Amino acid sequence: MKNWSWRELGVVTCCLAGLALLVPGGCRAARAKAEAFKCVNQQRAMALAFKVFANDNDDLFPYEMTNSLAYDNSREAWLHFQTLSNELGTPKVLMCPADHERESNMASVWGPSIEPKRVDLPSKGNRAVSYFVGIRADESIPSSILLGDRDVEAPAERLDGRVLRITRPSHLRFTGRLHPNWGYVAMADGSVQQFTEPVQKNYPGTNLLLLPLFR
């Protein structure tokens, strides 16, 4: 058997230490990519649900429908999504896979439940939601903002604590609490766009973003 010198042992130790540092970083990057991929798919599904709802209701989204649970509601983001329960199927899509701060609040059923293993959306409210809602989204304006990651921030006026008013042109930024250095936004045409900071986009008119806050 070969007798290893101290120098050779030192080189091997350094190599192993380097690998130990690289592997977790690579795992984190792969996990972030997978979470982002799933988040985009969830936003596409939710955008499609909004469009299906609008097609069945004179091109109006839940905020504008007088018989909707979310009609004129600028406080509870979760109600806007609950209105789409038939189109969405499960409330689990309301939780971004990268939202580790809120993942313990993920709802499994839309309505109240007495079963201990089922978490209902009404009891968790905005805590079970990772996405804001564009309450000025318009089916006839494809580039209006429909929904997006909740960690959005903007040099904009905050209305009543939970609504961001952004005008044209405006800078949308994301804090990185969900996805590293970027965020995702679904538009009224059903597309999902990635925003890195700082990014400037021109939008027609004014967008009001209802954040899923609970304090």
Foldseek 3Di string as FASTA:
>chain_A
DDDDDPVRVVVVVVVVVVVVVVVVVVVVVVVLVVLVVLLQVLLLQQLVLQQVVCVVPVQDQQCCDPPAQNPVPLAFQVSSVLSSCVSNVFQQSQDRPQQPVLPVQAAGADDDDPDPVGRYCVVCTLSNGQKWAWSPAGLVFQAAFGMWGQQKDWPADDDPNFKGKDAFWTWIFGPCSRHRQWIWTATNNSHIDIQGPGDIDGGPGMIIIGHSDDD
